[in-house]
Amino acid sequence: MRYNVNVPFAVIGGSQAYTLLQKGYIQGKRIGEIQTPFGDSQPIYHISNPQYEMLFLSRHGEKGYSLTAPFINYRANIYALKELGVKHIVSWSGPGAINKAYKIGEFVIIDDVVDETHSREFTFYKNRGIGFTRQFPVFCPILRKCIVESLNILHINFSGRGTYVCTQGPRLETPAEIRKYKSFGCDLVGMTLVPEVFLAKELELCYASICYVTNYAEGVVDKPFKAGELFEGLSDDADRKAVEDAVTQFPSIIINIAKYLKRQRIICQCQSSMERYKKRGDIEDDWHDWIKNT
């Protein structure tokens, strides 16, 4: 099915995105789920204004945290956004901090990823001889610059770099695993950006992510077990307040990014990730044909 929508910018909302939808902080026309060869996407919203336009997708669901990271249909979500004309995706994620230099609630514009996931559908090109996409840089440098400038306009403090390790979930990590990831040079640990970032590159989409620190990872600080609380005590009341304050800034952040992108003509290497396969004759210009029979 083809859809009569052509919007070049999309936001994939992470944790608490559904709360912003429910409270009306993010409003738009509900397009709904998009049918794809990989199943239905999460519901998509079209947000339109004379100054900006974007699509919005809540990664974990629209009415609550209904889907944990390992079970998200990443392929359907990315395919659906491409189908609706998207060229640039900004996502958000709420990882834990391995690096104690970060504060709870702090924004981090990550620049690298370590993949520790398994058993996820991680490519559009199963059983094909294509898809050897280079991962340097992992995140679109033009979009990262756009995020940085938007945060500066809003006078929001942030860290401009960090390495994110993506684990399988839904369980949290053991102290020994966190020590291992620290030895890898990882700063943050989360569960959602893989394979999302890699799938976007396979469809020649620009992709960048804004992280906000939700807690310190297991063993980084001494936190006793507390039954019935968020992460069983890894987050306290002050942490939750800092995270809530960060999340409430996302509507302003994504609006500023959308305004910036409307004024810019983005040309970068992300848009030619599959160029050598076109030159070789393996694929044509119509991206729908790239993933037939997979």
Protein backbone atom coordinates (compact mmCIF):
# COMPACT_ATOMS: atom_id res chain seq x y z
CA MET A 1 0.00 0.00 0.00
CA ARG A 2 1.24 3.49 -0.86
CA TYR A 3 0.32 6.47 1.34
CA ASN A 4 -0.39 10.05 0.29
CA VAL A 5 2.02 11.56 2.80
CA ASN A 6 5.43 13.07 2.07
CA VAL A 7 7.14 14.48 5.16
CA PRO A 8 10.96 14.56 5.23
CA PHE A 9 11.47 14.75 9.03
CA ALA A 10 10.41 12.24 11.68
CA VAL A 11 10.94 11.79 15.40
CA ILE A 12 11.02 8.40 17.09
CA GLY A 13 10.08 8.99 20.70
CA GLY A 14 11.51 6.72 23.38
CA SER A 15 10.56 6.29 27.01
CA GLN A 16 7.71 8.59 28.10
CA ALA A 17 6.81 9.54 24.52
CA TYR A 18 3.37 8.04 25.15
CA THR A 19 2.98 10.31 28.19
CA LEU A 20 3.61 13.38 26.05
CA LEU A 21 0.96 12.15 23.59
CA GLN A 22 -1.57 11.44 26.34
CA LYS A 23 -1.08 14.84 28.01
CA GLY A 24 -1.32 16.69 24.71
CA TYR A 25 2.22 18.06 24.75
CA ILE A 26 2.65 16.46 21.33
CA GLN A 27 -0.38 16.84 19.09
CA GLY A 28 -1.02 15.87 15.50
CA LYS A 29 -3.24 13.98 13.12
CA ARG A 30 -3.11 10.28 13.84
CA ILE A 31 -2.21 8.44 10.64
CA GLY A 32 -2.12 5.16 12.53
CA GLU A 33 -0.21 1.97 11.88
CA ILE A 34 1.43 1.60 8.48
CA GLN A 35 1.35 -1.76 6.75
CA THR A 36 4.78 -2.98 5.65
CA PRO A 37 6.28 -6.25 4.38
CA PHE A 38 7.54 -6.76 7.94
CA GLY A 39 4.24 -6.21 9.72
CA ASP A 40 2.54 -3.08 11.01
CA SER A 41 4.50 -0.15 12.38
CA GLN A 42 3.72 1.63 15.60
CA PRO A 43 1.05 4.34 15.11
CA ILE A 44 2.38 7.48 13.41
CA TYR A 45 1.23 11.06 13.92
CA HIS A 46 1.48 13.92 11.42
CA ILE A 47 2.33 17.23 13.08
CA SER A 48 1.91 20.21 10.77
CA ASN A 49 2.42 23.91 11.35
CA PRO A 50 3.24 26.85 9.02
CA GLN A 51 6.74 26.93 10.56
CA TYR A 52 7.50 23.21 10.72
CA GLU A 53 6.29 19.73 9.87
CA MET A 54 7.17 16.29 11.18
CA LEU A 55 6.00 12.75 11.74
CA PHE A 56 6.04 11.29 15.23
CA LEU A 57 6.25 7.64 16.27
CA SER A 58 6.27 6.44 19.86
CA ARG A 59 8.65 3.46 19.90
CA HIS A 60 7.16 1.69 22.93
CA GLY A 61 3.49 2.37 22.20
CA GLU A 62 1.06 5.27 22.25
CA LYS A 63 -0.96 4.50 25.39
CA GLY A 64 1.75 3.29 27.75
CA TYR A 65 4.93 1.26 27.88
CA SER A 66 3.33 -1.60 25.99
CA LEU A 67 6.39 -2.99 24.17
CA THR A 68 9.88 -3.53 25.54
CA ALA A 69 12.99 -3.00 23.43
CA PRO A 70 13.68 -6.60 22.24
CA PHE A 71 10.18 -6.93 20.81
CA ILE A 72 9.86 -3.66 18.91
CA ASN A 73 9.34 -4.14 15.18
CA TYR A 74 12.22 -1.89 14.18
CA ARG A 75 12.09 -2.89 10.52
CA ALA A 76 8.40 -2.01 10.21
CA ASN A 77 8.92 1.35 11.92
CA ILE A 78 11.83 2.41 9.71
CA TYR A 79 10.20 1.08 6.54
CA ALA A 80 6.97 2.96 7.39
CA LEU A 81 8.77 6.27 7.89
CA LYS A 82 10.63 5.85 4.59
CA GLU A 83 7.30 5.05 2.92
CA LEU A 84 5.90 8.36 4.18
CA GLY A 85 8.72 10.37 2.61
CA VAL A 86 11.07 10.65 5.58
CA LYS A 87 14.72 11.47 4.91
CA HIS A 88 15.85 12.51 8.41
CA ILE A 89 15.11 10.77 11.73
CA VAL A 90 15.90 12.06 15.20
CA SER A 91 15.22 9.61 18.01
CA TRP A 92 15.44 9.81 21.74
CA SER A 93 16.44 7.23 24.31
CA GLY A 94 16.77 7.13 28.09
CA PRO A 95 19.86 5.02 28.90
CA GLY A 96 21.68 4.47 32.15
CA ALA A 97 25.05 6.08 32.77
CA ILE A 98 28.22 4.03 33.00
CA ASN A 99 30.30 7.19 33.01
CA LYS A 100 29.81 8.94 36.37
CA ALA A 101 30.70 12.28 34.77
CA TYR A 102 27.12 12.44 33.48
CA LYS A 103 24.34 13.74 35.70
CA ILE A 104 20.85 12.26 35.92
CA GLY A 105 18.61 14.08 33.44
CA GLU A 106 21.56 15.31 31.39
CA PHE A 107 21.26 15.27 27.60
CA VAL A 108 23.97 13.47 25.62
CA ILE A 109 24.37 13.64 21.84
CA ILE A 110 25.98 10.25 21.36
CA ASP A 111 28.45 9.63 18.54
CA ASP A 112 29.18 5.89 18.67
CA VAL A 113 27.54 2.53 19.45
CA VAL A 114 28.53 -0.92 20.69
CA ASP A 115 26.06 -3.64 19.70
CA GLU A 116 25.48 -6.30 22.38
CA THR A 117 22.05 -7.39 21.14
CA HIS A 118 21.14 -10.82 19.79
CA SER A 119 18.20 -12.49 18.06
CA ARG A 120 16.79 -9.23 16.72
CA GLU A 121 15.81 -8.75 13.09
CA PHE A 122 18.73 -6.48 12.26
CA THR A 123 18.70 -6.03 8.47
CA PHE A 124 16.36 -5.49 5.53
CA TYR A 125 18.61 -7.62 3.36
CA LYS A 126 18.33 -11.15 4.74
CA ASN A 127 19.70 -13.79 2.38
CA ARG A 128 20.99 -11.12 0.01
CA GLY A 129 24.46 -10.10 -1.17
CA ILE A 130 23.99 -6.44 -0.23
CA GLY A 131 24.02 -4.38 2.94
CA PHE A 132 27.74 -3.95 3.72
CA THR A 133 27.18 -0.40 4.91
CA ARG A 134 30.05 1.49 6.52
CA GLN A 135 29.44 2.65 10.09
CA PHE A 136 31.64 5.73 10.19
CA PRO A 137 30.22 7.94 11.37
CA VAL A 138 27.49 5.89 13.00
CA PHE A 139 25.18 8.89 13.43
CA CYS A 140 24.55 11.49 10.74
CA PRO A 141 26.98 14.39 11.40
CA ILE A 142 24.62 16.93 9.84
CA LEU A 143 21.73 15.89 12.06
CA ARG A 144 23.98 15.85 15.12
CA LYS A 145 24.96 19.43 14.32
CA CYS A 146 21.29 20.32 13.94
CA ILE A 147 20.51 18.86 17.39
CA VAL A 148 23.44 20.71 18.96
CA GLU A 149 22.37 24.04 17.49
CA SER A 150 18.76 23.49 18.56
CA LEU A 151 19.79 22.73 22.16
CA ASN A 152 22.03 25.80 22.19
CA ILE A 153 19.14 27.99 21.02
CA LEU A 154 17.06 26.67 23.92
CA HIS A 155 19.99 27.17 26.36
CA ILE A 156 19.87 23.50 27.32
CA ASN A 157 23.06 22.02 28.73
CA PHE A 158 24.29 18.81 27.13
CA SER A 159 27.31 16.64 26.51
CA GLY A 160 28.34 16.57 22.86
CA ARG A 161 29.65 13.02 22.65
CA GLY A 162 29.37 9.58 24.19
CA THR A 163 29.40 5.89 23.32
CA TYR A 164 26.16 3.95 23.81
CA VAL A 165 26.17 0.19 24.32
CA CYS A 166 22.90 -1.45 23.30
CA THR A 167 21.99 -4.57 25.27
CA GLN A 168 19.31 -7.15 24.54
CA GLY A 169 16.97 -6.63 27.48
CA PRO A 170 14.39 -6.54 28.79
CA ARG A 171 16.36 -7.38 31.95
CA LEU A 172 18.86 -4.85 33.25
CA GLU A 173 22.57 -5.58 33.11
CA THR A 174 24.68 -7.29 35.77
CA PRO A 175 27.47 -5.39 37.56
CA ALA A 176 30.04 -7.55 35.76
CA GLU A 177 28.51 -6.69 32.39
CA ILE A 178 28.67 -3.00 33.22
CA ARG A 179 32.34 -3.37 34.15
CA LYS A 180 32.90 -5.09 30.80
CA TYR A 181 31.18 -2.29 28.89
CA LYS A 182 33.19 0.29 30.80
CA SER A 183 36.36 -1.49 29.68
CA PHE A 184 35.07 -1.15 26.09
CA GLY A 185 34.93 2.64 26.55
CA CYS A 186 31.13 2.80 26.77
CA ASP A 187 29.52 5.77 28.54
CA LEU A 188 25.83 4.85 28.42
CA VAL A 189 23.85 1.63 28.37
CA GLY A 190 20.41 1.25 26.78
CA MET A 191 18.32 -1.19 24.78
CA THR A 192 16.71 0.59 21.84
CA LEU A 193 19.07 2.16 19.31
CA VAL A 194 20.12 -1.13 17.69
CA PRO A 195 19.14 -2.10 15.06
CA GLU A 196 17.23 1.15 14.54
CA VAL A 197 20.27 3.23 13.57
CA PHE A 198 21.62 0.55 11.23
CA LEU A 199 18.28 -0.04 9.51
CA ALA A 200 17.97 3.67 8.81
CA LYS A 201 21.34 3.64 7.08
CA GLU A 202 20.29 0.64 4.97
CA LEU A 203 17.48 2.79 3.53
CA GLU A 204 19.76 5.84 3.09
CA LEU A 205 18.12 7.81 5.89
CA CYS A 206 19.91 10.31 8.10
CA TYR A 207 19.63 9.28 11.75
CA ALA A 208 20.82 10.83 15.01
CA SER A 209 19.79 10.39 18.63
CA ILE A 210 19.38 12.45 21.77
CA CYS A 211 19.91 10.55 25.01
CA TYR A 212 18.91 11.66 28.47
CA VAL A 213 20.42 9.92 31.48
CA THR A 214 17.76 8.11 33.51
CA ASN A 215 19.89 6.42 36.19
CA TYR A 216 23.37 5.13 36.96
CA ALA A 217 23.95 1.60 35.69
CA GLU A 218 24.26 -1.35 38.05
CA GLY A 219 27.34 -1.12 40.26
CA VAL A 220 28.27 2.43 39.20
CA VAL A 221 26.83 3.82 42.45
CA ASP A 222 25.63 1.95 45.52
CA LYS A 223 21.83 1.68 45.35
CA PRO A 224 19.95 -0.77 47.62
CA PHE A 225 17.14 -2.93 46.25
CA LYS A 226 13.66 -1.42 46.75
CA ALA A 227 10.73 -3.58 45.75
CA GLY A 228 7.97 -1.96 43.72
CA GLU A 229 9.98 1.07 42.60
CA LEU A 230 11.36 2.01 39.20
CA PHE A 231 14.30 -0.27 38.36
CA GLU A 232 13.86 -1.68 41.88
CA GLY A 233 15.68 1.22 43.48
CA LEU A 234 18.24 2.25 40.85
CA SER A 235 16.32 5.53 40.57
CA ASP A 236 15.25 7.61 43.56
CA ASP A 237 12.76 10.48 43.79
CA ALA A 238 15.34 13.11 42.85
CA ASP A 239 16.41 11.06 39.83
CA ARG A 240 12.83 10.66 38.67
CA LYS A 241 12.22 14.40 38.97
CA ALA A 242 15.34 15.16 36.90
CA VAL A 243 14.22 12.68 34.23
CA GLU A 244 10.71 14.12 34.17
CA ASP A 245 12.13 17.62 33.70
CA ALA A 246 14.26 16.37 30.79
CA VAL A 247 11.37 14.61 29.06
CA THR A 248 9.12 17.68 29.25
CA GLN A 249 11.68 19.57 27.18
CA PHE A 250 11.39 17.23 24.20
CA PRO A 251 8.42 18.97 22.55
CA SER A 252 10.40 22.23 22.40
CA ILE A 253 13.54 20.41 21.26
CA ILE A 254 11.92 18.55 18.38
CA ILE A 255 10.03 21.64 17.23
CA ASN A 256 13.30 23.59 17.07
CA ILE A 257 14.93 20.77 15.12
CA ALA A 258 11.98 20.67 12.70
CA LYS A 259 12.23 24.43 12.15
CA TYR A 260 15.97 24.16 11.54
CA LEU A 261 15.54 21.36 9.01
CA LYS A 262 12.86 23.27 7.13
CA ARG A 263 15.39 26.07 6.56
CA GLN A 264 18.23 23.77 5.52
CA ARG A 265 18.98 21.62 2.50
CA ILE A 266 20.63 18.55 3.97
CA ILE A 267 23.13 16.75 1.78
CA CYS A 268 25.33 14.13 3.41
CA GLN A 269 26.84 10.69 2.94
CA CYS A 270 23.87 8.93 4.57
CA GLN A 271 21.90 9.49 1.39
CA SER A 272 24.35 7.43 -0.68
CA SER A 273 24.90 4.42 1.61
CA MET A 274 23.71 2.01 -1.09
CA GLU A 275 25.33 3.79 -4.05
CA ARG A 276 27.85 1.10 -4.92
CA TYR A 277 25.08 -1.48 -5.21
CA LYS A 278 23.28 0.83 -7.65
CA LYS A 279 26.45 1.27 -9.69
CA ARG A 280 27.00 -2.48 -9.68
CA GLY A 281 23.47 -3.08 -10.94
CA ASP A 282 22.35 -5.05 -7.89
CA ILE A 283 19.55 -2.59 -7.11
CA GLU A 284 17.61 0.12 -8.96
CA ASP A 285 16.59 3.59 -7.79
CA ASP A 286 13.23 2.47 -6.35
CA TRP A 287 14.07 1.46 -2.79
CA HIS A 288 10.99 -0.77 -2.55
CA ASP A 289 12.72 -3.18 -4.91
CA TRP A 290 15.80 -3.41 -2.69
CA ILE A 291 14.02 -5.56 -0.14
CA LYS A 292 11.74 -7.70 -2.25
CA ASN A 293 11.93 -11.43 -1.65
CA THR A 294 13.79 -10.99 1.66
